[in-house]
Structures are given as C-alpha cells and as structure tokens.
C-alpha cells in the first residue's frame, strides 16, 4: 500500500468561526443628520449658482462650490455607514 494512503489526517476537522453579533443599528438621529447635510449642501450650491457666485459667503467666489460639495460629501459618507 502506498505511504500516502496509510497516513492519517493531522489537521483537525473544520470548525466554523464563532458566530459574530449583528452590526449595531445606527442611532435615531443619524439618518436625519445625513439627509440634512445633503439638503444644506444642495441649497448652498444652488444659492451659489443663482446669486452669481456672490453668496452665501461673499468674496470667496468658487470656494462656495467647494464648501457646498464638501457638506454633501460628508452626508454621503455618513449614509454609507448608516445601518
């Protein structure tokens, strides 16, 4: 009989990993904050375009768009973590 057939298995049988708990559910205030940030960012960008780049903060020009899109991005990132 060949040597490989007579060997016993040295590794133990498969044991499944311990059951992990389900991911925690987000706090009740989390979703409204995400949606509020998305809406505030959208209003900021629309205001910048409608008022000819002069407002919401006068004097910074195109940075108003950066601020609006940054606020929206924070809202989107928060939504990715929402459970």
PDB file of N, CA and C in Angstrom:
ATOM      1  N   UNK A   1       0.849  -1.172   0.000  1.00  0.00           N
ATOM      2  CA  UNK A   1       0.000   0.000   0.000  1.00  0.00           C
ATOM      3  C   UNK A   1       0.899   1.240   0.000  1.00  0.00           C
ATOM      4  N   UNK A   2       0.565   2.233  -0.813  1.00  0.00           N
ATOM      5  CA  UNK A   2       1.396   3.435  -0.844  1.00  0.00           C
ATOM      6  C   UNK A   2       1.372   4.158   0.500  1.00  0.00           C
ATOM      7  N   UNK A   3       2.436   4.896   0.737  1.00  0.00           N
ATOM      8  CA  UNK A   3       2.598   5.562   2.026  1.00  0.00           C
ATOM      9  C   UNK A   3       1.535   6.633   2.260  1.00  0.00           C
ATOM     10  N   UNK A   4       1.148   7.373   1.219  1.00  0.00           N
ATOM     11  CA  UNK A   4       0.201   8.470   1.394  1.00  0.00           C
ATOM     12  C   UNK A   4      -1.185   7.964   1.797  1.00  0.00           C
ATOM     13  N   UNK A   5      -1.559   6.776   1.374  1.00  0.00           N
ATOM     14  CA  UNK A   5      -2.877   6.253   1.706  1.00  0.00           C
ATOM     15  C   UNK A   5      -2.960   5.799   3.151  1.00  0.00           C
ATOM     16  N   UNK A   6      -1.838   5.441   3.745  1.00  0.00           N
ATOM     17  CA  UNK A   6      -1.871   4.940   5.110  1.00  0.00           C
ATOM     18  C   UNK A   6      -1.751   6.059   6.156  1.00  0.00           C
ATOM     19  N   UNK A   7      -1.452   7.277   5.733  1.00  0.00           N
ATOM     20  CA  UNK A   7      -1.320   8.381   6.691  1.00  0.00           C
ATOM     21  C   UNK A   7      -2.682   8.844   7.190  1.00  0.00           C
ATOM     22  N   UNK A   8      -2.667   9.250   8.397  1.00  0.00           N
ATOM     23  CA  UNK A   8      -3.877   9.823   8.981  1.00  0.00           C
ATOM     24  C   UNK A   8      -3.843  11.331   8.811  1.00  0.00           C
ATOM     25  N   UNK A   9      -4.997  11.918   8.762  1.00  0.00           N
ATOM     26  CA  UNK A   9      -5.086  13.370   8.652  1.00  0.00           C
ATOM     27  C   UNK A   9      -4.603  13.997   9.949  1.00  0.00           C
ATOM     28  N   UNK A  10      -3.652  14.946   9.841  1.00  0.00           N
ATOM     29  CA  UNK A  10      -3.084  15.558  11.037  1.00  0.00           C
ATOM     30  C   UNK A  10      -3.809  16.833  11.443  1.00  0.00           C
ATOM     31  N   UNK A  11      -4.500  17.476  10.485  1.00  0.00           N
ATOM     32  CA  UNK A  11      -5.232  18.689  10.823  1.00  0.00           C
ATOM     33  C   UNK A  11      -6.593  18.312  11.387  1.00  0.00           C
ATOM     34  N   UNK A  12      -7.068  19.079  12.343  1.00  0.00           N
ATOM     35  CA  UNK A  12      -8.412  18.793  12.862  1.00  0.00           C
ATOM     36  C   UNK A  12      -9.466  19.127  11.801  1.00  0.00           C
ATOM     37  N   UNK A  13     -10.622  18.582  11.967  1.00  0.00           N
ATOM     38  CA  UNK A  13     -11.724  18.858  11.044  1.00  0.00           C
ATOM     39  C   UNK A  13     -12.106  20.331  11.114  1.00  0.00           C
ATOM     40  N   UNK A  14     -12.789  20.800  10.094  1.00  0.00           N
ATOM     41  CA  UNK A  14     -13.180  22.211  10.021  1.00  0.00           C
ATOM     42  C   UNK A  14     -14.089  22.580  11.180  1.00  0.00           C
ATOM     43  N   UNK A  15     -13.745  23.647  11.843  1.00  0.00           N
ATOM     44  CA  UNK A  15     -14.608  24.191  12.879  1.00  0.00           C
ATOM     45  C   UNK A  15     -14.998  25.599  12.449  1.00  0.00           C
ATOM     46  N   UNK A  16     -16.271  25.876  12.371  1.00  0.00           N
ATOM     47  CA  UNK A  16     -16.698  27.196  11.908  1.00  0.00           C
ATOM     48  C   UNK A  16     -16.299  28.274  12.905  1.00  0.00           C
ATOM     49  N   UNK A  17     -16.097  29.498  12.410  1.00  0.00           N
ATOM     50  CA  UNK A  17     -15.744  30.589  13.323  1.00  0.00           C
ATOM     51  C   UNK A  17     -16.912  30.890  14.261  1.00  0.00           C
ATOM     52  N   UNK A  18     -16.632  31.492  15.384  1.00  0.00           N
ATOM     53  CA  UNK A  18     -17.724  31.794  16.312  1.00  0.00           C
ATOM     54  C   UNK A  18     -18.701  32.787  15.685  1.00  0.00           C
ATOM     55  N   UNK A  19     -19.940  32.619  16.039  1.00  0.00           N
ATOM     56  CA  UNK A  19     -20.974  33.495  15.479  1.00  0.00           C
ATOM     57  C   UNK A  19     -20.750  34.920  15.968  1.00  0.00           C
ATOM     58  N   UNK A  20     -20.655  35.839  15.025  1.00  0.00           N
ATOM     59  CA  UNK A  20     -20.473  37.234  15.412  1.00  0.00           C
ATOM     60  C   UNK A  20     -21.836  37.886  15.580  1.00  0.00           C
ATOM     61  N   UNK A  21     -21.850  38.887  16.382  1.00  0.00           N
ATOM     62  CA  UNK A  21     -23.115  39.572  16.598  1.00  0.00           C
ATOM     63  C   UNK A  21     -23.431  40.435  15.371  1.00  0.00           C
ATOM     64  N   UNK A  22     -24.683  40.719  15.172  1.00  0.00           N
ATOM     65  CA  UNK A  22     -25.121  41.541  14.043  1.00  0.00           C
ATOM     66  C   UNK A  22     -24.585  42.959  14.216  1.00  0.00           C
ATOM     67  N   UNK A  23     -24.365  43.678  13.116  1.00  0.00           N
ATOM     68  CA  UNK A  23     -23.869  45.042  13.240  1.00  0.00           C
ATOM     69  C   UNK A  23     -24.854  45.915  14.012  1.00  0.00           C
ATOM     70  N   UNK A  24     -24.301  46.829  14.748  1.00  0.00           N
ATOM     71  CA  UNK A  24     -25.127  47.699  15.576  1.00  0.00           C
ATOM     72  C   UNK A  24     -25.991  48.607  14.704  1.00  0.00           C
ATOM     73  N   UNK A  25     -27.184  48.853  15.164  1.00  0.00           N
ATOM     74  CA  UNK A  25     -28.092  49.738  14.445  1.00  0.00           C
ATOM     75  C   UNK A  25     -27.731  51.175  14.787  1.00  0.00           C
ATOM     76  N   UNK A  26     -27.809  52.040  13.784  1.00  0.00           N
ATOM     77  CA  UNK A  26     -27.469  53.449  13.988  1.00  0.00           C
ATOM     78  C   UNK A  26     -28.451  54.111  14.948  1.00  0.00           C
ATOM     79  N   UNK A  27     -27.992  55.185  15.543  1.00  0.00           N
ATOM     80  CA  UNK A  27     -28.827  55.968  16.449  1.00  0.00           C
ATOM     81  C   UNK A  27     -29.972  56.605  15.658  1.00  0.00           C
ATOM     82  N   UNK A  28     -31.074  56.940  16.308  1.00  0.00           N
ATOM     83  CA  UNK A  28     -32.220  57.520  15.596  1.00  0.00           C
ATOM     84  C   UNK A  28     -31.923  58.879  14.956  1.00  0.00           C
ATOM     85  N   UNK A  29     -30.971  59.616  15.471  1.00  0.00           N
ATOM     86  CA  UNK A  29     -30.670  60.941  14.934  1.00  0.00           C
ATOM     87  C   UNK A  29     -29.745  60.881  13.727  1.00  0.00           C
ATOM     88  N   UNK A  30     -29.163  59.736  13.445  1.00  0.00           N
ATOM     89  CA  UNK A  30     -28.130  59.629  12.411  1.00  0.00           C
ATOM     90  C   UNK A  30     -28.673  59.899  11.004  1.00  0.00           C
ATOM     91  N   UNK A  31     -29.778  59.269  10.639  1.00  0.00           N
ATOM     92  CA  UNK A  31     -30.341  59.449   9.297  1.00  0.00           C
ATOM     93  C   UNK A  31     -30.815  60.880   9.059  1.00  0.00           C
ATOM     94  N   UNK A  32     -31.518  61.517  10.006  1.00  0.00           N
ATOM     95  CA  UNK A  32     -31.907  62.908   9.760  1.00  0.00           C
ATOM     96  C   UNK A  32     -30.716  63.854   9.590  1.00  0.00           C
ATOM     97  N   UNK A  33     -29.629  63.595  10.307  1.00  0.00           N
ATOM     98  CA  UNK A  33     -28.439  64.439  10.142  1.00  0.00           C
ATOM     99  C   UNK A  33     -27.853  64.254   8.741  1.00  0.00           C
ATOM    100  N   UNK A  34     -27.812  63.016   8.247  1.00  0.00           N
ATOM    101  CA  UNK A  34     -27.299  62.757   6.893  1.00  0.00           C
ATOM    102  C   UNK A  34     -28.119  63.493   5.847  1.00  0.00           C
ATOM    103  N   UNK A  35     -29.427  63.352   5.945  1.00  0.00           N
ATOM    104  CA  UNK A  35     -30.308  63.992   4.966  1.00  0.00           C
ATOM    105  C   UNK A  35     -30.213  65.511   5.069  1.00  0.00           C
ATOM    106  N   UNK A  36     -30.112  66.037   6.278  1.00  0.00           N
ATOM    107  CA  UNK A  36     -29.973  67.484   6.462  1.00  0.00           C
ATOM    108  C   UNK A  36     -28.693  67.988   5.815  1.00  0.00           C
ATOM    109  N   UNK A  37     -27.591  67.271   5.982  1.00  0.00           N
ATOM    110  CA  UNK A  37     -26.340  67.683   5.358  1.00  0.00           C
ATOM    111  C   UNK A  37     -26.439  67.669   3.836  1.00  0.00           C
ATOM    112  N   UNK A  38     -27.094  66.664   3.295  1.00  0.00           N
ATOM    113  CA  UNK A  38     -27.272  66.606   1.848  1.00  0.00           C
ATOM    114  C   UNK A  38     -28.097  67.796   1.348  1.00  0.00           C
ATOM    115  N   UNK A  39     -29.157  68.121   2.058  1.00  0.00           N
ATOM    116  CA  UNK A  39     -30.021  69.225   1.640  1.00  0.00           C
ATOM    117  C   UNK A  39     -29.315  70.563   1.801  1.00  0.00           C
ATOM    118  N   UNK A  40     -28.609  70.757   2.905  1.00  0.00           N
ATOM    119  CA  UNK A  40     -27.881  72.016   3.123  1.00  0.00           C
ATOM    120  C   UNK A  40     -26.817  72.201   2.042  1.00  0.00           C
ATOM    121  N   UNK A  41     -26.091  71.149   1.713  1.00  0.00           N
ATOM    122  CA  UNK A  41     -25.084  71.245   0.658  1.00  0.00           C
ATOM    123  C   UNK A  41     -25.701  71.580  -0.680  1.00  0.00           C
ATOM    124  N   UNK A  42     -26.839  70.962  -0.997  1.00  0.00           N
ATOM    125  CA  UNK A  42     -27.524  71.243  -2.256  1.00  0.00           C
ATOM    126  C   UNK A  42     -28.003  72.693  -2.306  1.00  0.00           C
ATOM    127  N   UNK A  43     -28.606  73.162  -1.223  1.00  0.00           N
ATOM    128  CA  UNK A  43     -29.071  74.555  -1.171  1.00  0.00           C
ATOM    129  C   UNK A  43     -27.886  75.508  -1.300  1.00  0.00           C
ATOM    130  N   UNK A  44     -26.760  75.168  -0.691  1.00  0.00           N
ATOM    131  CA  UNK A  44     -25.557  76.006  -0.767  1.00  0.00           C
ATOM    132  C   UNK A  44     -25.087  76.135  -2.220  1.00  0.00           C
ATOM    133  N   UNK A  45     -25.022  75.010  -2.925  1.00  0.00           N
ATOM    134  CA  UNK A  45     -24.563  75.024  -4.318  1.00  0.00           C
ATOM    135  C   UNK A  45     -25.555  75.773  -5.206  1.00  0.00           C
ATOM    136  N   UNK A  46     -26.845  75.519  -5.033  1.00  0.00           N
ATOM    137  CA  UNK A  46     -27.858  76.198  -5.845  1.00  0.00           C
ATOM    138  C   UNK A  46     -27.829  77.702  -5.578  1.00  0.00           C
ATOM    139  N   UNK A  47     -27.688  78.088  -4.320  1.00  0.00           N
ATOM    140  CA  UNK A  47     -27.605  79.511  -3.981  1.00  0.00           C
ATOM    141  C   UNK A  47     -26.392  80.154  -4.638  1.00  0.00           C
ATOM    142  N   UNK A  48     -25.289  79.447  -4.658  1.00  0.00           N
ATOM    143  CA  UNK A  48     -24.078  79.969  -5.296  1.00  0.00           C
ATOM    144  C   UNK A  48     -24.323  80.240  -6.773  1.00  0.00           C
ATOM    145  N   UNK A  49     -24.973  79.313  -7.451  1.00  0.00           N
ATOM    146  CA  UNK A  49     -25.234  79.498  -8.880  1.00  0.00           C
ATOM    147  C   UNK A  49     -26.274  80.585  -9.145  1.00  0.00           C
ATOM    148  N   UNK A  50     -27.362  80.583  -8.378  1.00  0.00           N
ATOM    149  CA  UNK A  50     -28.445  81.535  -8.630  1.00  0.00           C
ATOM    150  C   UNK A  50     -27.994  82.971  -8.363  1.00  0.00           C
ATOM    151  N   UNK A  51     -27.242  83.177  -7.319  1.00  0.00           N
ATOM    152  CA  UNK A  51     -26.833  84.536  -6.943  1.00  0.00           C
ATOM    153  C   UNK A  51     -25.493  84.918  -7.548  1.00  0.00           C
ATOM    154  N   UNK A  52     -25.144  84.305  -8.671  1.00  0.00           N
ATOM    155  CA  UNK A  52     -23.988  84.696  -9.485  1.00  0.00           C
ATOM    156  C   UNK A  52     -22.667  84.662  -8.712  1.00  0.00           C
ATOM    157  N   UNK A  53     -22.428  83.603  -7.955  1.00  0.00           N
ATOM    158  CA  UNK A  53     -21.179  83.320  -7.258  1.00  0.00           C
ATOM    159  C   UNK A  53     -20.836  84.337  -6.171  1.00  0.00           C
ATOM    160  N   UNK A  54     -21.794  85.174  -5.788  1.00  0.00           N
ATOM    161  CA  UNK A  54     -21.510  86.214  -4.791  1.00  0.00           C
ATOM    162  C   UNK A  54     -21.852  85.764  -3.370  1.00  0.00           C
ATOM    163  N   UNK A  55     -22.794  84.869  -3.230  1.00  0.00           N
ATOM    164  CA  UNK A  55     -23.228  84.430  -1.910  1.00  0.00           C
ATOM    165  C   UNK A  55     -23.229  82.919  -1.880  1.00  0.00           C
ATOM    166  N   UNK A  56     -23.306  82.246  -0.824  1.00  0.00           N
ATOM    167  CA  UNK A  56     -23.629  82.533   0.558  1.00  0.00           C
ATOM    168  C   UNK A  56     -22.517  83.252   1.316  1.00  0.00           C
ATOM    169  N   UNK A  57     -21.253  83.077   0.966  1.00  0.00           N
ATOM    170  CA  UNK A  57     -20.182  83.833   1.614  1.00  0.00           C
ATOM    171  C   UNK A  57     -19.592  84.757   0.557  1.00  0.00           C
ATOM    172  N   UNK A  58     -19.815  86.054   0.684  1.00  0.00           N
ATOM    173  CA  UNK A  58     -19.307  86.967  -0.339  1.00  0.00           C
ATOM    174  C   UNK A  58     -17.780  87.010  -0.337  1.00  0.00           C
ATOM    175  N   UNK A  59     -17.222  87.142  -1.523  1.00  0.00           N
ATOM    176  CA  UNK A  59     -15.788  87.354  -1.634  1.00  0.00           C
ATOM    177  C   UNK A  59     -14.946  86.111  -1.831  1.00  0.00           C
ATOM    178  N   UNK A  60     -15.503  84.917  -1.687  1.00  0.00           N
ATOM    179  CA  UNK A  60     -14.657  83.736  -1.868  1.00  0.00           C
ATOM    180  C   UNK A  60     -14.907  83.045  -3.197  1.00  0.00           C
ATOM    181  N   UNK A  61     -15.883  83.524  -3.949  1.00  0.00           N
ATOM    182  CA  UNK A  61     -16.113  83.035  -5.308  1.00  0.00           C
ATOM    183  C   UNK A  61     -16.375  81.546  -5.391  1.00  0.00           C
ATOM    184  N   UNK A  62     -15.505  80.854  -6.149  1.00  0.00           N
ATOM    185  CA  UNK A  62     -15.677  79.429  -6.412  1.00  0.00           C
ATOM    186  C   UNK A  62     -15.544  78.541  -5.192  1.00  0.00           C
ATOM    187  N   UNK A  63     -14.985  79.044  -4.122  1.00  0.00           N
ATOM    188  CA  UNK A  63     -14.869  78.227  -2.916  1.00  0.00           C
ATOM    189  C   UNK A  63     -16.232  77.937  -2.307  1.00  0.00           C
ATOM    190  N   UNK A  64     -17.240  78.746  -2.664  1.00  0.00           N
ATOM    191  CA  UNK A  64     -18.599  78.432  -2.208  1.00  0.00           C
ATOM    192  C   UNK A  64     -19.040  77.075  -2.732  1.00  0.00           C
ATOM    193  N   UNK A  65     -18.659  76.758  -3.971  1.00  0.00           N
ATOM    194  CA  UNK A  65     -18.992  75.430  -4.510  1.00  0.00           C
ATOM    195  C   UNK A  65     -18.265  74.334  -3.740  1.00  0.00           C
ATOM    196  N   UNK A  66     -17.012  74.578  -3.430  1.00  0.00           N
ATOM    197  CA  UNK A  66     -16.244  73.578  -2.687  1.00  0.00           C
ATOM    198  C   UNK A  66     -16.873  73.313  -1.322  1.00  0.00           C
ATOM    199  N   UNK A  67     -17.340  74.371  -0.680  1.00  0.00           N
ATOM    200  CA  UNK A  67     -17.982  74.204   0.631  1.00  0.00           C
ATOM    201  C   UNK A  67     -19.273  73.401   0.487  1.00  0.00           C
ATOM    202  N   UNK A  68     -20.085  73.752  -0.503  1.00  0.00           N
ATOM    203  CA  UNK A  68     -21.348  73.041  -0.703  1.00  0.00           C
ATOM    204  C   UNK A  68     -21.141  71.578  -1.019  1.00  0.00           C
ATOM    205  N   UNK A  69     -20.203  71.288  -1.922  1.00  0.00           N
ATOM    206  CA  UNK A  69     -19.948  69.888  -2.268  1.00  0.00           C
ATOM    207  C   UNK A  69     -19.310  69.133  -1.102  1.00  0.00           C
ATOM    208  N   UNK A  70     -18.519  69.806  -0.299  1.00  0.00           N
ATOM    209  CA  UNK A  70     -17.923  69.147   0.875  1.00  0.00           C
ATOM    210  C   UNK A  70     -18.995  68.753   1.880  1.00  0.00           C
ATOM    211  N   UNK A  71     -19.953  69.639   2.095  1.00  0.00           N
ATOM    212  CA  UNK A  71     -21.040  69.328   3.027  1.00  0.00           C
ATOM    213  C   UNK A  71     -21.845  68.137   2.505  1.00  0.00           C
ATOM    214  N   UNK A  72     -22.111  68.124   1.192  1.00  0.00           N
ATOM    215  CA  UNK A  72     -22.829  66.984   0.617  1.00  0.00           C
ATOM    216  C   UNK A  72     -22.018  65.696   0.723  1.00  0.00           C
ATOM    217  N   UNK A  73     -20.716  65.781   0.538  1.00  0.00           N
ATOM    218  CA  UNK A  73     -19.861  64.590   0.616  1.00  0.00           C
ATOM    219  C   UNK A  73     -19.878  64.001   2.027  1.00  0.00           C
ATOM    220  N   UNK A  74     -19.871  64.864   3.025  1.00  0.00           N
ATOM    221  CA  UNK A  74     -19.964  64.363   4.408  1.00  0.00           C
ATOM    222  C   UNK A  74     -21.278  63.614   4.599  1.00  0.00           C
ATOM    223  N   UNK A  75     -22.364  64.147   4.043  1.00  0.00           N
ATOM    224  CA  UNK A  75     -23.654  63.461   4.131  1.00  0.00           C
ATOM    225  C   UNK A  75     -23.628  62.109   3.452  1.00  0.00           C
ATOM    226  N   UNK A  76     -23.013  62.022   2.265  1.00  0.00           N
ATOM    227  CA  UNK A  76     -22.926  60.743   1.557  1.00  0.00           C
ATOM    228  C   UNK A  76     -22.063  59.742   2.323  1.00  0.00           C
ATOM    229  N   UNK A  77     -20.963  60.201   2.881  1.00  0.00           N
ATOM    230  CA  UNK A  77     -20.095  59.300   3.643  1.00  0.00           C
ATOM    231  C   UNK A  77     -20.829  58.770   4.879  1.00  0.00           C
ATOM    232  N   UNK A  78     -21.594  59.653   5.512  1.00  0.00           N
ATOM    233  CA  UNK A  78     -22.372  59.195   6.670  1.00  0.00           C
ATOM    234  C   UNK A  78     -23.407  58.166   6.238  1.00  0.00           C
ATOM    235  N   UNK A  79     -24.020  58.356   5.067  1.00  0.00           N
ATOM    236  CA  UNK A  79     -25.021  57.389   4.613  1.00  0.00           C
ATOM    237  C   UNK A  79     -24.421  56.019   4.338  1.00  0.00           C
ATOM    238  N   UNK A  80     -23.165  55.980   3.940  1.00  0.00           N
ATOM    239  CA  UNK A  80     -22.530  54.683   3.697  1.00  0.00           C
ATOM    240  C   UNK A  80     -22.351  53.906   5.004  1.00  0.00           C
ATOM    241  N   UNK A  81     -22.279  54.580   6.115  1.00  0.00           N
ATOM    242  CA  UNK A  81     -22.096  53.916   7.403  1.00  0.00           C
ATOM    243  C   UNK A  81     -23.414  53.692   8.146  1.00  0.00           C
ATOM    244  N   UNK A  82     -24.521  54.113   7.554  1.00  0.00           N
ATOM    245  CA  UNK A  82     -25.829  54.003   8.196  1.00  0.00           C
ATOM    246  C   UNK A  82     -26.312  52.559   8.170  1.00  0.00           C
ATOM    247  N   UNK A  83     -26.849  52.081   9.282  1.00  0.00           N
ATOM    248  CA  UNK A  83     -27.385  50.717   9.360  1.00  0.00           C
ATOM    249  C   UNK A  83     -28.793  50.766   9.885  1.00  0.00           C
TER     250      UNK A  83
END
